[in-house]
Amino acid sequence: MKSQKIIYWSASILFSVWMLANAYAYLTSDRAKQLCDHFGFPDYFRIELAVAKIMGVIVVLVPTINGRWKEWAYAGFVITMISGFIAHLASGDSLVTASSAILALALLLTSYITYSNLKNNKK
């Protein structure tokens, strides 16, 4: 049980820091604007993604938030990571560049699986 908590918090914090850094870049960086243009996304979409990522991180990290909200946050992040992977490939980026989304997805799934295990062991 203790090792599950360590894995959960490690994966969750790493993923969350990654998403917060990404959200910050979406809000402040010209490079992030160029990347969204490269993907063919409208400019407002990067703002929506940044806000959604910040909200999702809060939901994932706050222990007192209802499990249903966490499930939705995890689902939203899964869709975002898969969509990011596809956007990179569809825009002509290399598999190496696109693989960052898969790495983030792996951290997210680790967080989700250990979260589910911990939640089920409490029952």
PDB file of N, CA and C in Angstrom:
ATOM      1  N   MET A   1       0.819  -1.197   0.000  1.00  0.00           N
ATOM      2  CA  MET A   1       0.000   0.000   0.000  1.00  0.00           C
ATOM      3  C   MET A   1       0.865   1.265   0.000  1.00  0.00           C
ATOM      4  N   LYS A   2       1.922   1.257   0.816  1.00  0.00           N
ATOM      5  CA  LYS A   2       2.800   2.420   0.886  1.00  0.00           C
ATOM      6  C   LYS A   2       3.504   2.654  -0.452  1.00  0.00           C
ATOM      7  N   SER A   3       3.951   1.578  -1.089  1.00  0.00           N
ATOM      8  CA  SER A   3       4.623   1.731  -2.384  1.00  0.00           C
ATOM      9  C   SER A   3       3.645   2.250  -3.441  1.00  0.00           C
ATOM     10  N   GLN A   4       2.370   1.839  -3.366  1.00  0.00           N
ATOM     11  CA  GLN A   4       1.350   2.350  -4.290  1.00  0.00           C
ATOM     12  C   GLN A   4       1.183   3.861  -4.131  1.00  0.00           C
ATOM     13  N   LYS A   5       1.192   4.332  -2.882  1.00  0.00           N
ATOM     14  CA  LYS A   5       1.059   5.768  -2.629  1.00  0.00           C
ATOM     15  C   LYS A   5       2.256   6.537  -3.175  1.00  0.00           C
ATOM     16  N   ILE A   6       3.434   5.966  -2.994  1.00  0.00           N
ATOM     17  CA  ILE A   6       4.648   6.627  -3.502  1.00  0.00           C
ATOM     18  C   ILE A   6       4.605   6.701  -5.023  1.00  0.00           C
ATOM     19  N   ILE A   7       4.226   5.620  -5.656  1.00  0.00           N
ATOM     20  CA  ILE A   7       4.124   5.601  -7.120  1.00  0.00           C
ATOM     21  C   ILE A   7       3.050   6.582  -7.585  1.00  0.00           C
ATOM     22  N   TYR A   8       1.888   6.555  -6.911  1.00  0.00           N
ATOM     23  CA  TYR A   8       0.792   7.457  -7.281  1.00  0.00           C
ATOM     24  C   TYR A   8       1.241   8.913  -7.216  1.00  0.00           C
ATOM     25  N   TRP A   9       1.794   9.307  -6.060  1.00  0.00           N
ATOM     26  CA  TRP A   9       2.166  10.703  -5.896  1.00  0.00           C
ATOM     27  C   TRP A   9       3.321  11.107  -6.805  1.00  0.00           C
ATOM     28  N   SER A  10       4.265  10.215  -7.015  1.00  0.00           N
ATOM     29  CA  SER A  10       5.390  10.525  -7.912  1.00  0.00           C
ATOM     30  C   SER A  10       4.903  10.747  -9.338  1.00  0.00           C
ATOM     31  N   ALA A  11       4.108   9.814  -9.842  1.00  0.00           N
ATOM     32  CA  ALA A  11       3.587   9.937 -11.211  1.00  0.00           C
ATOM     33  C   ALA A  11       2.667  11.145 -11.331  1.00  0.00           C
ATOM     34  N   SER A  12       1.818  11.344 -10.347  1.00  0.00           N
ATOM     35  CA  SER A  12       0.865  12.458 -10.391  1.00  0.00           C
ATOM     36  C   SER A  12       1.570  13.805 -10.370  1.00  0.00           C
ATOM     37  N   ILE A  13       2.572  13.926  -9.519  1.00  0.00           N
ATOM     38  CA  ILE A  13       3.291  15.202  -9.421  1.00  0.00           C
ATOM     39  C   ILE A  13       4.115  15.458 -10.681  1.00  0.00           C
ATOM     40  N   LEU A  14       4.809  14.443 -11.168  1.00  0.00           N
ATOM     41  CA  LEU A  14       5.577  14.623 -12.412  1.00  0.00           C
ATOM     42  C   LEU A  14       4.664  15.026 -13.571  1.00  0.00           C
ATOM     43  N   PHE A  15       3.564  14.318 -13.723  1.00  0.00           N
ATOM     44  CA  PHE A  15       2.617  14.635 -14.791  1.00  0.00           C
ATOM     45  C   PHE A  15       2.062  16.050 -14.602  1.00  0.00           C
ATOM     46  N   SER A  16       1.707  16.394 -13.379  1.00  0.00           N
ATOM     47  CA  SER A  16       1.117  17.702 -13.108  1.00  0.00           C
ATOM     48  C   SER A  16       2.086  18.841 -13.381  1.00  0.00           C
ATOM     49  N   VAL A  17       3.334  18.668 -12.983  1.00  0.00           N
ATOM     50  CA  VAL A  17       4.341  19.694 -13.271  1.00  0.00           C
ATOM     51  C   VAL A  17       4.489  19.865 -14.776  1.00  0.00           C
ATOM     52  N   TRP A  18       4.505  18.745 -15.494  1.00  0.00           N
ATOM     53  CA  TRP A  18       4.600  18.779 -16.956  1.00  0.00           C
ATOM     54  C   TRP A  18       3.419  19.546 -17.545  1.00  0.00           C
ATOM     55  N   MET A  19       2.197  19.259 -17.074  1.00  0.00           N
ATOM     56  CA  MET A  19       1.006  19.912 -17.606  1.00  0.00           C
ATOM     57  C   MET A  19       0.969  21.395 -17.238  1.00  0.00           C
ATOM     58  N   LEU A  20       1.391  21.728 -16.028  1.00  0.00           N
ATOM     59  CA  LEU A  20       1.422  23.141 -15.627  1.00  0.00           C
ATOM     60  C   LEU A  20       2.454  23.924 -16.430  1.00  0.00           C
ATOM     61  N   ALA A  21       3.611  23.319 -16.667  1.00  0.00           N
ATOM     62  CA  ALA A  21       4.624  23.977 -17.502  1.00  0.00           C
ATOM     63  C   ALA A  21       4.097  24.162 -18.921  1.00  0.00           C
ATOM     64  N   ASN A  22       3.405  23.152 -19.422  1.00  0.00           N
ATOM     65  CA  ASN A  22       2.814  23.227 -20.749  1.00  0.00           C
ATOM     66  C   ASN A  22       1.740  24.320 -20.804  1.00  0.00           C
ATOM     67  N   ALA A  23       0.891  24.387 -19.797  1.00  0.00           N
ATOM     68  CA  ALA A  23      -0.159  25.412 -19.746  1.00  0.00           C
ATOM     69  C   ALA A  23       0.460  26.804 -19.678  1.00  0.00           C
ATOM     70  N   TYR A  24       1.486  26.952 -18.861  1.00  0.00           N
ATOM     71  CA  TYR A  24       2.176  28.247 -18.759  1.00  0.00           C
ATOM     72  C   TYR A  24       2.739  28.658 -20.118  1.00  0.00           C
ATOM     73  N   ALA A  25       3.368  27.709 -20.801  1.00  0.00           N
ATOM     74  CA  ALA A  25       3.913  28.001 -22.124  1.00  0.00           C
ATOM     75  C   ALA A  25       2.796  28.389 -23.102  1.00  0.00           C
ATOM     76  N   TYR A  26       1.677  27.679 -23.048  1.00  0.00           N
ATOM     77  CA  TYR A  26       0.552  28.004 -23.939  1.00  0.00           C
ATOM     78  C   TYR A  26       0.075  29.437 -23.706  1.00  0.00           C
ATOM     79  N   LEU A  27       0.178  29.919 -22.494  1.00  0.00           N
ATOM     80  CA  LEU A  27      -0.305  31.264 -22.172  1.00  0.00           C
ATOM     81  C   LEU A  27       0.726  32.353 -22.412  1.00  0.00           C
ATOM     82  N   THR A  28       2.011  32.006 -22.450  1.00  0.00           N
ATOM     83  CA  THR A  28       3.047  33.055 -22.472  1.00  0.00           C
ATOM     84  C   THR A  28       4.058  32.956 -23.614  1.00  0.00           C
ATOM     85  N   SER A  29       4.182  31.825 -24.250  1.00  0.00           N
ATOM     86  CA  SER A  29       5.289  31.594 -25.164  1.00  0.00           C
ATOM     87  C   SER A  29       4.893  31.772 -26.638  1.00  0.00           C
ATOM     88  N   ASP A  30       5.723  32.518 -27.349  1.00  0.00           N
ATOM     89  CA  ASP A  30       5.514  32.627 -28.800  1.00  0.00           C
ATOM     90  C   ASP A  30       5.734  31.283 -29.479  1.00  0.00           C
ATOM     91  N   ARG A  31       6.643  30.489 -28.954  1.00  0.00           N
ATOM     92  CA  ARG A  31       6.898  29.145 -29.515  1.00  0.00           C
ATOM     93  C   ARG A  31       5.636  28.280 -29.423  1.00  0.00           C
ATOM     94  N   ALA A  32       4.926  28.375 -28.319  1.00  0.00           N
ATOM     95  CA  ALA A  32       3.684  27.608 -28.164  1.00  0.00           C
ATOM     96  C   ALA A  32       2.631  28.084 -29.154  1.00  0.00           C
ATOM     97  N   LYS A  33       2.577  29.398 -29.400  1.00  0.00           N
ATOM     98  CA  LYS A  33       1.658  29.932 -30.408  1.00  0.00           C
ATOM     99  C   LYS A  33       2.002  29.364 -31.781  1.00  0.00           C
ATOM    100  N   GLN A  34       3.290  29.329 -32.096  1.00  0.00           N
ATOM    101  CA  GLN A  34       3.733  28.785 -33.379  1.00  0.00           C
ATOM    102  C   GLN A  34       3.397  27.307 -33.501  1.00  0.00           C
ATOM    103  N   LEU A  35       3.535  26.571 -32.412  1.00  0.00           N
ATOM    104  CA  LEU A  35       3.217  25.148 -32.420  1.00  0.00           C
ATOM    105  C   LEU A  35       1.730  24.932 -32.694  1.00  0.00           C
ATOM    106  N   CYS A  36       0.882  25.725 -32.066  1.00  0.00           N
ATOM    107  CA  CYS A  36      -0.562  25.604 -32.315  1.00  0.00           C
ATOM    108  C   CYS A  36      -0.892  25.974 -33.757  1.00  0.00           C
ATOM    109  N   ASP A  37      -0.225  26.978 -34.293  1.00  0.00           N
ATOM    110  CA  ASP A  37      -0.389  27.313 -35.714  1.00  0.00           C
ATOM    111  C   ASP A  37       0.054  26.140 -36.588  1.00  0.00           C
ATOM    112  N   HIS A  38       1.181  25.540 -36.223  1.00  0.00           N
ATOM    113  CA  HIS A  38       1.718  24.387 -36.950  1.00  0.00           C
ATOM    114  C   HIS A  38       0.705  23.243 -36.999  1.00  0.00           C
ATOM    115  N   PHE A  39      -0.022  23.059 -35.896  1.00  0.00           N
ATOM    116  CA  PHE A  39      -1.041  22.007 -35.834  1.00  0.00           C
ATOM    117  C   PHE A  39      -2.321  22.398 -36.567  1.00  0.00           C
ATOM    118  N   GLY A  40      -2.462  23.682 -36.878  1.00  0.00           N
ATOM    119  CA  GLY A  40      -3.677  24.154 -37.529  1.00  0.00           C
ATOM    120  C   GLY A  40      -4.781  24.505 -36.537  1.00  0.00           C
ATOM    121  N   PHE A  41      -4.412  24.671 -35.266  1.00  0.00           N
ATOM    122  CA  PHE A  41      -5.398  25.015 -34.241  1.00  0.00           C
ATOM    123  C   PHE A  41      -5.638  26.529 -34.239  1.00  0.00           C
ATOM    124  N   PRO A  42      -6.857  26.960 -33.978  1.00  0.00           N
ATOM    125  CA  PRO A  42      -7.096  28.402 -33.818  1.00  0.00           C
ATOM    126  C   PRO A  42      -6.427  28.894 -32.530  1.00  0.00           C
ATOM    127  N   ASP A  43      -6.095  30.168 -32.481  1.00  0.00           N
ATOM    128  CA  ASP A  43      -5.348  30.703 -31.351  1.00  0.00           C
ATOM    129  C   ASP A  43      -6.085  30.541 -30.026  1.00  0.00           C
ATOM    130  N   TYR A  44      -7.411  30.674 -30.041  1.00  0.00           N
ATOM    131  CA  TYR A  44      -8.155  30.546 -28.788  1.00  0.00           C
ATOM    132  C   TYR A  44      -8.055  29.139 -28.196  1.00  0.00           C
ATOM    133  N   PHE A  45      -7.788  28.149 -29.032  1.00  0.00           N
ATOM    134  CA  PHE A  45      -7.759  26.767 -28.556  1.00  0.00           C
ATOM    135  C   PHE A  45      -6.618  26.529 -27.573  1.00  0.00           C
ATOM    136  N   ARG A  46      -5.481  27.185 -27.779  1.00  0.00           N
ATOM    137  CA  ARG A  46      -4.358  27.008 -26.855  1.00  0.00           C
ATOM    138  C   ARG A  46      -4.701  27.571 -25.482  1.00  0.00           C
ATOM    139  N   ILE A  47      -5.502  28.644 -25.443  1.00  0.00           N
ATOM    140  CA  ILE A  47      -5.938  29.210 -24.170  1.00  0.00           C
ATOM    141  C   ILE A  47      -6.881  28.226 -23.469  1.00  0.00           C
ATOM    142  N   GLU A  48      -7.817  27.658 -24.228  1.00  0.00           N
ATOM    143  CA  GLU A  48      -8.729  26.655 -23.668  1.00  0.00           C
ATOM    144  C   GLU A  48      -7.954  25.462 -23.113  1.00  0.00           C
ATOM    145  N   LEU A  49      -6.969  24.993 -23.879  1.00  0.00           N
ATOM    146  CA  LEU A  49      -6.164  23.857 -23.413  1.00  0.00           C
ATOM    147  C   LEU A  49      -5.413  24.202 -22.133  1.00  0.00           C
ATOM    148  N   ALA A  50      -4.851  25.399 -22.074  1.00  0.00           N
ATOM    149  CA  ALA A  50      -4.111  25.812 -20.884  1.00  0.00           C
ATOM    150  C   ALA A  50      -5.022  25.835 -19.658  1.00  0.00           C
ATOM    151  N   VAL A  51      -6.186  26.424 -19.794  1.00  0.00           N
ATOM    152  CA  VAL A  51      -7.126  26.505 -18.670  1.00  0.00           C
ATOM    153  C   VAL A  51      -7.591  25.106 -18.265  1.00  0.00           C
ATOM    154  N   ALA A  52      -7.901  24.269 -19.245  1.00  0.00           N
ATOM    155  CA  ALA A  52      -8.348  22.903 -18.944  1.00  0.00           C
ATOM    156  C   ALA A  52      -7.250  22.107 -18.242  1.00  0.00           C
ATOM    157  N   LYS A  53      -6.003  22.283 -18.669  1.00  0.00           N
ATOM    158  CA  LYS A  53      -4.899  21.562 -18.028  1.00  0.00           C
ATOM    159  C   LYS A  53      -4.704  22.013 -16.583  1.00  0.00           C
ATOM    160  N   ILE A  54      -4.822  23.312 -16.341  1.00  0.00           N
ATOM    161  CA  ILE A  54      -4.689  23.814 -14.974  1.00  0.00           C
ATOM    162  C   ILE A  54      -5.809  23.249 -14.098  1.00  0.00           C
ATOM    163  N   MET A  55      -7.031  23.289 -14.606  1.00  0.00           N
ATOM    164  CA  MET A  55      -8.167  22.745 -13.843  1.00  0.00           C
ATOM    165  C   MET A  55      -7.991  21.244 -13.603  1.00  0.00           C
ATOM    166  N   GLY A  56      -7.546  20.518 -14.620  1.00  0.00           N
ATOM    167  CA  GLY A  56      -7.344  19.080 -14.485  1.00  0.00           C
ATOM    168  C   GLY A  56      -6.288  18.736 -13.454  1.00  0.00           C
ATOM    169  N   VAL A  57      -5.214  19.495 -13.435  1.00  0.00           N
ATOM    170  CA  VAL A  57      -4.145  19.266 -12.449  1.00  0.00           C
ATOM    171  C   VAL A  57      -4.680  19.462 -11.034  1.00  0.00           C
ATOM    172  N   ILE A  58      -5.465  20.501 -10.842  1.00  0.00           N
ATOM    173  CA  ILE A  58      -6.045  20.747  -9.514  1.00  0.00           C
ATOM    174  C   ILE A  58      -6.898  19.556  -9.087  1.00  0.00           C
ATOM    175  N   VAL A  59      -7.745  19.082 -10.000  1.00  0.00           N
ATOM    176  CA  VAL A  59      -8.633  17.963  -9.674  1.00  0.00           C
ATOM    177  C   VAL A  59      -7.831  16.696  -9.363  1.00  0.00           C
ATOM    178  N   VAL A  60      -6.798  16.435 -10.140  1.00  0.00           N
ATOM    179  CA  VAL A  60      -6.002  15.223  -9.923  1.00  0.00           C
ATOM    180  C   VAL A  60      -5.238  15.297  -8.601  1.00  0.00           C
ATOM    181  N   LEU A  61      -4.722  16.455  -8.243  1.00  0.00           N
ATOM    182  CA  LEU A  61      -3.851  16.547  -7.067  1.00  0.00           C
ATOM    183  C   LEU A  61      -4.566  16.742  -5.737  1.00  0.00           C
ATOM    184  N   VAL A  62      -5.748  17.335  -5.747  1.00  0.00           N
ATOM    185  CA  VAL A  62      -6.429  17.606  -4.473  1.00  0.00           C
ATOM    186  C   VAL A  62      -7.121  16.330  -3.986  1.00  0.00           C
ATOM    187  N   PRO A  63      -6.658  15.780  -2.856  1.00  0.00           N
ATOM    188  CA  PRO A  63      -7.176  14.492  -2.391  1.00  0.00           C
ATOM    189  C   PRO A  63      -8.652  14.504  -2.004  1.00  0.00           C
ATOM    190  N   THR A  64      -9.176  15.655  -1.613  1.00  0.00           N
ATOM    191  CA  THR A  64     -10.560  15.698  -1.134  1.00  0.00           C
ATOM    192  C   THR A  64     -11.594  15.839  -2.250  1.00  0.00           C
ATOM    193  N   ILE A  65     -11.147  15.994  -3.487  1.00  0.00           N
ATOM    194  CA  ILE A  65     -12.088  16.140  -4.601  1.00  0.00           C
ATOM    195  C   ILE A  65     -12.688  14.780  -4.926  1.00  0.00           C
ATOM    196  N   ASN A  66     -13.989  14.766  -5.149  1.00  0.00           N
ATOM    197  CA  ASN A  66     -14.790  13.578  -5.440  1.00  0.00           C
ATOM    198  C   ASN A  66     -14.176  12.728  -6.556  1.00  0.00           C
ATOM    199  N   GLY A  67     -14.268  11.412  -6.397  1.00  0.00           N
ATOM    200  CA  GLY A  67     -13.723  10.479  -7.376  1.00  0.00           C
ATOM    201  C   GLY A  67     -14.264  10.656  -8.775  1.00  0.00           C
ATOM    202  N   ARG A  68     -15.540  11.027  -8.902  1.00  0.00           N
ATOM    203  CA  ARG A  68     -16.127  11.228 -10.233  1.00  0.00           C
ATOM    204  C   ARG A  68     -15.424  12.353 -10.979  1.00  0.00           C
ATOM    205  N   TRP A  69     -15.097  13.445 -10.291  1.00  0.00           N
ATOM    206  CA  TRP A  69     -14.366  14.547 -10.915  1.00  0.00           C
ATOM    207  C   TRP A  69     -12.977  14.093 -11.361  1.00  0.00           C
ATOM    208  N   LYS A  70     -12.340  13.284 -10.530  1.00  0.00           N
ATOM    209  CA  LYS A  70     -11.017  12.771 -10.899  1.00  0.00           C
ATOM    210  C   LYS A  70     -11.103  11.910 -12.158  1.00  0.00           C
ATOM    211  N   GLU A  71     -12.128  11.067 -12.221  1.00  0.00           N
ATOM    212  CA  GLU A  71     -12.305  10.210 -13.407  1.00  0.00           C
ATOM    213  C   GLU A  71     -12.433  11.068 -14.670  1.00  0.00           C
ATOM    214  N   TRP A  72     -13.201  12.144 -14.587  1.00  0.00           N
ATOM    215  CA  TRP A  72     -13.365  13.030 -15.737  1.00  0.00           C
ATOM    216  C   TRP A  72     -12.040  13.728 -16.096  1.00  0.00           C
ATOM    217  N   ALA A  73     -11.302  14.137 -15.078  1.00  0.00           N
ATOM    218  CA  ALA A  73     -10.011  14.789 -15.332  1.00  0.00           C
ATOM    219  C   ALA A  73      -9.049  13.821 -16.024  1.00  0.00           C
ATOM    220  N   TYR A  74      -8.983  12.599 -15.513  1.00  0.00           N
ATOM    221  CA  TYR A  74      -8.116  11.598 -16.145  1.00  0.00           C
ATOM    222  C   TYR A  74      -8.558  11.344 -17.591  1.00  0.00           C
ATOM    223  N   ALA A  75      -9.858  11.217 -17.813  1.00  0.00           N
ATOM    224  CA  ALA A  75     -10.360  10.971 -19.172  1.00  0.00           C
ATOM    225  C   ALA A  75      -9.999  12.134 -20.101  1.00  0.00           C
ATOM    226  N   GLY A  76     -10.163  13.345 -19.613  1.00  0.00           N
ATOM    227  CA  GLY A  76      -9.812  14.511 -20.417  1.00  0.00           C
ATOM    228  C   GLY A  76      -8.336  14.550 -20.766  1.00  0.00           C
ATOM    229  N   PHE A  77      -7.502  14.203 -19.798  1.00  0.00           N
ATOM    230  CA  PHE A  77      -6.067  14.176 -20.067  1.00  0.00           C
ATOM    231  C   PHE A  77      -5.697  13.072 -21.063  1.00  0.00           C
ATOM    232  N   VAL A  78      -6.339  11.918 -20.949  1.00  0.00           N
ATOM    233  CA  VAL A  78      -6.063  10.837 -21.910  1.00  0.00           C
ATOM    234  C   VAL A  78      -6.388  11.306 -23.325  1.00  0.00           C
ATOM    235  N   ILE A  79      -7.556  11.918 -23.485  1.00  0.00           N
ATOM    236  CA  ILE A  79      -7.940  12.429 -24.805  1.00  0.00           C
ATOM    237  C   ILE A  79      -6.942  13.474 -25.287  1.00  0.00           C
ATOM    238  N   THR A  80      -6.515  14.349 -24.398  1.00  0.00           N
ATOM    239  CA  THR A  80      -5.565  15.399 -24.755  1.00  0.00           C
ATOM    240  C   THR A  80      -4.220  14.813 -25.181  1.00  0.00           C
ATOM    241  N   MET A  81      -3.722  13.816 -24.445  1.00  0.00           N
ATOM    242  CA  MET A  81      -2.421  13.228 -24.776  1.00  0.00           C
ATOM    243  C   MET A  81      -2.481  12.472 -26.120  1.00  0.00           C
ATOM    244  N   ILE A  82      -3.539  11.723 -26.324  1.00  0.00           N
ATOM    245  CA  ILE A  82      -3.680  10.992 -27.594  1.00  0.00           C
ATOM    246  C   ILE A  82      -3.837  11.984 -28.743  1.00  0.00           C
ATOM    247  N   SER A  83      -4.633  13.027 -28.529  1.00  0.00           N
ATOM    248  CA  SER A  83      -4.821  14.043 -29.569  1.00  0.00           C
ATOM    249  C   SER A  83      -3.519  14.772 -29.878  1.00  0.00           C
ATOM    250  N   GLY A  84      -2.728  15.038 -28.848  1.00  0.00           N
ATOM    251  CA  GLY A  84      -1.429  15.679 -29.061  1.00  0.00           C
ATOM    252  C   GLY A  84      -0.497  14.810 -29.890  1.00  0.00           C
ATOM    253  N   PHE A  85      -0.489  13.528 -29.597  1.00  0.00           N
ATOM    254  CA  PHE A  85       0.329  12.584 -30.365  1.00  0.00           C
ATOM    255  C   PHE A  85      -0.094  12.591 -31.833  1.00  0.00           C
ATOM    256  N   ILE A  86      -1.391  12.501 -32.062  1.00  0.00           N
ATOM    257  CA  ILE A  86      -1.910  12.494 -33.431  1.00  0.00           C
ATOM    258  C   ILE A  86      -1.634  13.826 -34.126  1.00  0.00           C
ATOM    259  N   ALA A  87      -1.798  14.944 -33.411  1.00  0.00           N
ATOM    260  CA  ALA A  87      -1.543  16.264 -33.998  1.00  0.00           C
ATOM    261  C   ALA A  87      -0.097  16.391 -34.460  1.00  0.00           C
ATOM    262  N   HIS A  88       0.836  15.905 -33.650  1.00  0.00           N
ATOM    263  CA  HIS A  88       2.247  15.950 -34.051  1.00  0.00           C
ATOM    264  C   HIS A  88       2.469  15.148 -35.330  1.00  0.00           C
ATOM    265  N   LEU A  89       1.973  13.927 -35.353  1.00  0.00           N
ATOM    266  CA  LEU A  89       2.187  13.076 -36.532  1.00  0.00           C
ATOM    267  C   LEU A  89       1.480  13.630 -37.760  1.00  0.00           C
ATOM    268  N   ALA A  90       0.260  14.103 -37.592  1.00  0.00           N
ATOM    269  CA  ALA A  90      -0.505  14.625 -38.726  1.00  0.00           C
ATOM    270  C   ALA A  90       0.106  15.913 -39.289  1.00  0.00           C
ATOM    271  N   SER A  91       0.883  16.614 -38.453  1.00  0.00           N
ATOM    272  CA  SER A  91       1.522  17.852 -38.893  1.00  0.00           C
ATOM    273  C   SER A  91       2.906  17.619 -39.481  1.00  0.00           C
ATOM    274  N   GLY A  92       3.293  16.356 -39.587  1.00  0.00           N
ATOM    275  CA  GLY A  92       4.578  16.035 -40.191  1.00  0.00           C
ATOM    276  C   GLY A  92       5.736  15.963 -39.220  1.00  0.00           C
ATOM    277  N   ASP A  93       5.467  16.036 -37.927  1.00  0.00           N
ATOM    278  CA  ASP A  93       6.541  15.929 -36.939  1.00  0.00           C
ATOM    279  C   ASP A  93       7.014  14.480 -36.855  1.00  0.00           C
ATOM    280  N   SER A  94       8.227  14.306 -36.373  1.00  0.00           N
ATOM    281  CA  SER A  94       8.797  12.967 -36.265  1.00  0.00           C
ATOM    282  C   SER A  94       8.142  12.195 -35.127  1.00  0.00           C
ATOM    283  N   LEU A  95       8.311  10.897 -35.186  1.00  0.00           N
ATOM    284  CA  LEU A  95       7.804  10.034 -34.123  1.00  0.00           C
ATOM    285  C   LEU A  95       8.475  10.369 -32.792  1.00  0.00           C
ATOM    286  N   VAL A  96       9.735  10.757 -32.846  1.00  0.00           N
ATOM    287  CA  VAL A  96      10.457  11.136 -31.620  1.00  0.00           C
ATOM    288  C   VAL A  96       9.807  12.366 -30.989  1.00  0.00           C
ATOM    289  N   THR A  97       9.476  13.360 -31.802  1.00  0.00           N
ATOM    290  CA  THR A  97       8.810  14.564 -31.295  1.00  0.00           C
ATOM    291  C   THR A  97       7.445  14.218 -30.735  1.00  0.00           C
ATOM    292  N   ALA A  98       6.698  13.397 -31.442  1.00  0.00           N
ATOM    293  CA  ALA A  98       5.344  13.018 -31.017  1.00  0.00           C
ATOM    294  C   ALA A  98       5.362  12.140 -29.774  1.00  0.00           C
ATOM    295  N   SER A  99       6.465  11.445 -29.538  1.00  0.00           N
ATOM    296  CA  SER A  99       6.512  10.496 -28.421  1.00  0.00           C
ATOM    297  C   SER A  99       6.454  11.175 -27.057  1.00  0.00           C
ATOM    298  N   SER A 100       6.696  12.475 -26.994  1.00  0.00           N
ATOM    299  CA  SER A 100       6.573  13.154 -25.695  1.00  0.00           C
ATOM    300  C   SER A 100       5.146  13.024 -25.164  1.00  0.00           C
ATOM    301  N   ALA A 101       4.165  13.040 -26.058  1.00  0.00           N
ATOM    302  CA  ALA A 101       2.775  12.869 -25.629  1.00  0.00           C
ATOM    303  C   ALA A 101       2.539  11.464 -25.081  1.00  0.00           C
ATOM    304  N   ILE A 102       3.217  10.482 -25.653  1.00  0.00           N
ATOM    305  CA  ILE A 102       3.067   9.106 -25.173  1.00  0.00           C
ATOM    306  C   ILE A 102       3.743   8.944 -23.810  1.00  0.00           C
ATOM    307  N   LEU A 103       4.858   9.600 -23.616  1.00  0.00           N
ATOM    308  CA  LEU A 103       5.522   9.569 -22.309  1.00  0.00           C
ATOM    309  C   LEU A 103       4.627  10.204 -21.243  1.00  0.00           C
ATOM    310  N   ALA A 104       4.030  11.339 -21.580  1.00  0.00           N
ATOM    311  CA  ALA A 104       3.092  11.973 -20.638  1.00  0.00           C
ATOM    312  C   ALA A 104       1.903  11.056 -20.369  1.00  0.00           C
ATOM    313  N   LEU A 105       1.420  10.382 -21.409  1.00  0.00           N
ATOM    314  CA  LEU A 105       0.312   9.438 -21.246  1.00  0.00           C
ATOM    315  C   LEU A 105       0.709   8.292 -20.316  1.00  0.00           C
ATOM    316  N   ALA A 106       1.931   7.806 -20.424  1.00  0.00           N
ATOM    317  CA  ALA A 106       2.401   6.727 -19.553  1.00  0.00           C
ATOM    318  C   ALA A 106       2.412   7.179 -18.086  1.00  0.00           C
ATOM    319  N   LEU A 107       2.872   8.396 -17.828  1.00  0.00           N
ATOM    320  CA  LEU A 107       2.836   8.933 -16.459  1.00  0.00           C
ATOM    321  C   LEU A 107       1.400   9.050 -15.970  1.00  0.00           C
ATOM    322  N   LEU A 108       0.532   9.539 -16.840  1.00  0.00           N
ATOM    323  CA  LEU A 108      -0.875   9.693 -16.483  1.00  0.00           C
ATOM    324  C   LEU A 108      -1.519   8.353 -16.162  1.00  0.00           C
ATOM    325  N   LEU A 109      -1.276   7.358 -16.990  1.00  0.00           N
ATOM    326  CA  LEU A 109      -1.864   6.036 -16.757  1.00  0.00           C
ATOM    327  C   LEU A 109      -1.321   5.401 -15.484  1.00  0.00           C
ATOM    328  N   THR A 110      -0.055   5.632 -15.193  1.00  0.00           N
ATOM    329  CA  THR A 110       0.519   5.154 -13.932  1.00  0.00           C
ATOM    330  C   THR A 110      -0.199   5.799 -12.754  1.00  0.00           C
ATOM    331  N   SER A 111      -0.412   7.098 -12.849  1.00  0.00           N
ATOM    332  CA  SER A 111      -1.145   7.804 -11.801  1.00  0.00           C
ATOM    333  C   SER A 111      -2.555   7.243 -11.660  1.00  0.00           C
ATOM    334  N   TYR A 112      -3.243   7.060 -12.772  1.00  0.00           N
ATOM    335  CA  TYR A 112      -4.629   6.594 -12.729  1.00  0.00           C
ATOM    336  C   TYR A 112      -4.739   5.170 -12.172  1.00  0.00           C
ATOM    337  N   ILE A 113      -3.880   4.288 -12.626  1.00  0.00           N
ATOM    338  CA  ILE A 113      -3.935   2.890 -12.168  1.00  0.00           C
ATOM    339  C   ILE A 113      -3.675   2.803 -10.668  1.00  0.00           C
ATOM    340  N   THR A 114      -2.669   3.527 -10.200  1.00  0.00           N
ATOM    341  CA  THR A 114      -2.385   3.480  -8.761  1.00  0.00           C
ATOM    342  C   THR A 114      -3.478   4.200  -7.970  1.00  0.00           C
ATOM    343  N   TYR A 115      -4.059   5.269  -8.519  1.00  0.00           N
ATOM    344  CA  TYR A 115      -5.188   5.933  -7.868  1.00  0.00           C
ATOM    345  C   TYR A 115      -6.346   4.950  -7.708  1.00  0.00           C
ATOM    346  N   SER A 116      -6.655   4.216  -8.773  1.00  0.00           N
ATOM    347  CA  SER A 116      -7.741   3.233  -8.719  1.00  0.00           C
ATOM    348  C   SER A 116      -7.445   2.134  -7.707  1.00  0.00           C
ATOM    349  N   ASN A 117      -6.212   1.654  -7.686  1.00  0.00           N
ATOM    350  CA  ASN A 117      -5.839   0.613  -6.710  1.00  0.00           C
ATOM    351  C   ASN A 117      -5.998   1.114  -5.280  1.00  0.00           C
ATOM    352  N   LEU A 118      -5.551   2.323  -5.034  1.00  0.00           N
ATOM    353  CA  LEU A 118      -5.661   2.893  -3.687  1.00  0.00           C
ATOM    354  C   LEU A 118      -7.128   3.101  -3.310  1.00  0.00           C
ATOM    355  N   LYS A 119      -7.912   3.590  -4.239  1.00  0.00           N
ATOM    356  CA  LYS A 119      -9.345   3.814  -3.984  1.00  0.00           C
ATOM    357  C   LYS A 119     -10.066   2.506  -3.693  1.00  0.00           C
ATOM    358  N   ASN A 120      -9.749   1.462  -4.457  1.00  0.00           N
ATOM    359  CA  ASN A 120     -10.395   0.153  -4.273  1.00  0.00           C
ATOM    360  C   ASN A 120      -9.961  -0.525  -2.986  1.00  0.00           C
ATOM    361  N   ASN A 121      -8.740  -0.286  -2.537  1.00  0.00           N
ATOM    362  CA  ASN A 121      -8.253  -0.892  -1.289  1.00  0.00           C
ATOM    363  C   ASN A 121      -8.854  -0.239  -0.052  1.00  0.00           C
ATOM    364  N   LYS A 122      -9.400   0.982  -0.209  1.00  0.00           N
ATOM    365  CA  LYS A 122     -10.038   1.654   0.917  1.00  0.00           C
ATOM    366  C   LYS A 122     -11.410   1.075   1.214  1.00  0.00           C
ATOM    367  N   LYS A 123     -12.021   0.465   0.224  1.00  0.00           N
ATOM    368  CA  LYS A 123     -13.384  -0.064   0.388  1.00  0.00           C
ATOM    369  C   LYS A 123     -13.424  -1.305   1.229  1.00  0.00           C
TER     370      LYS A 123
END
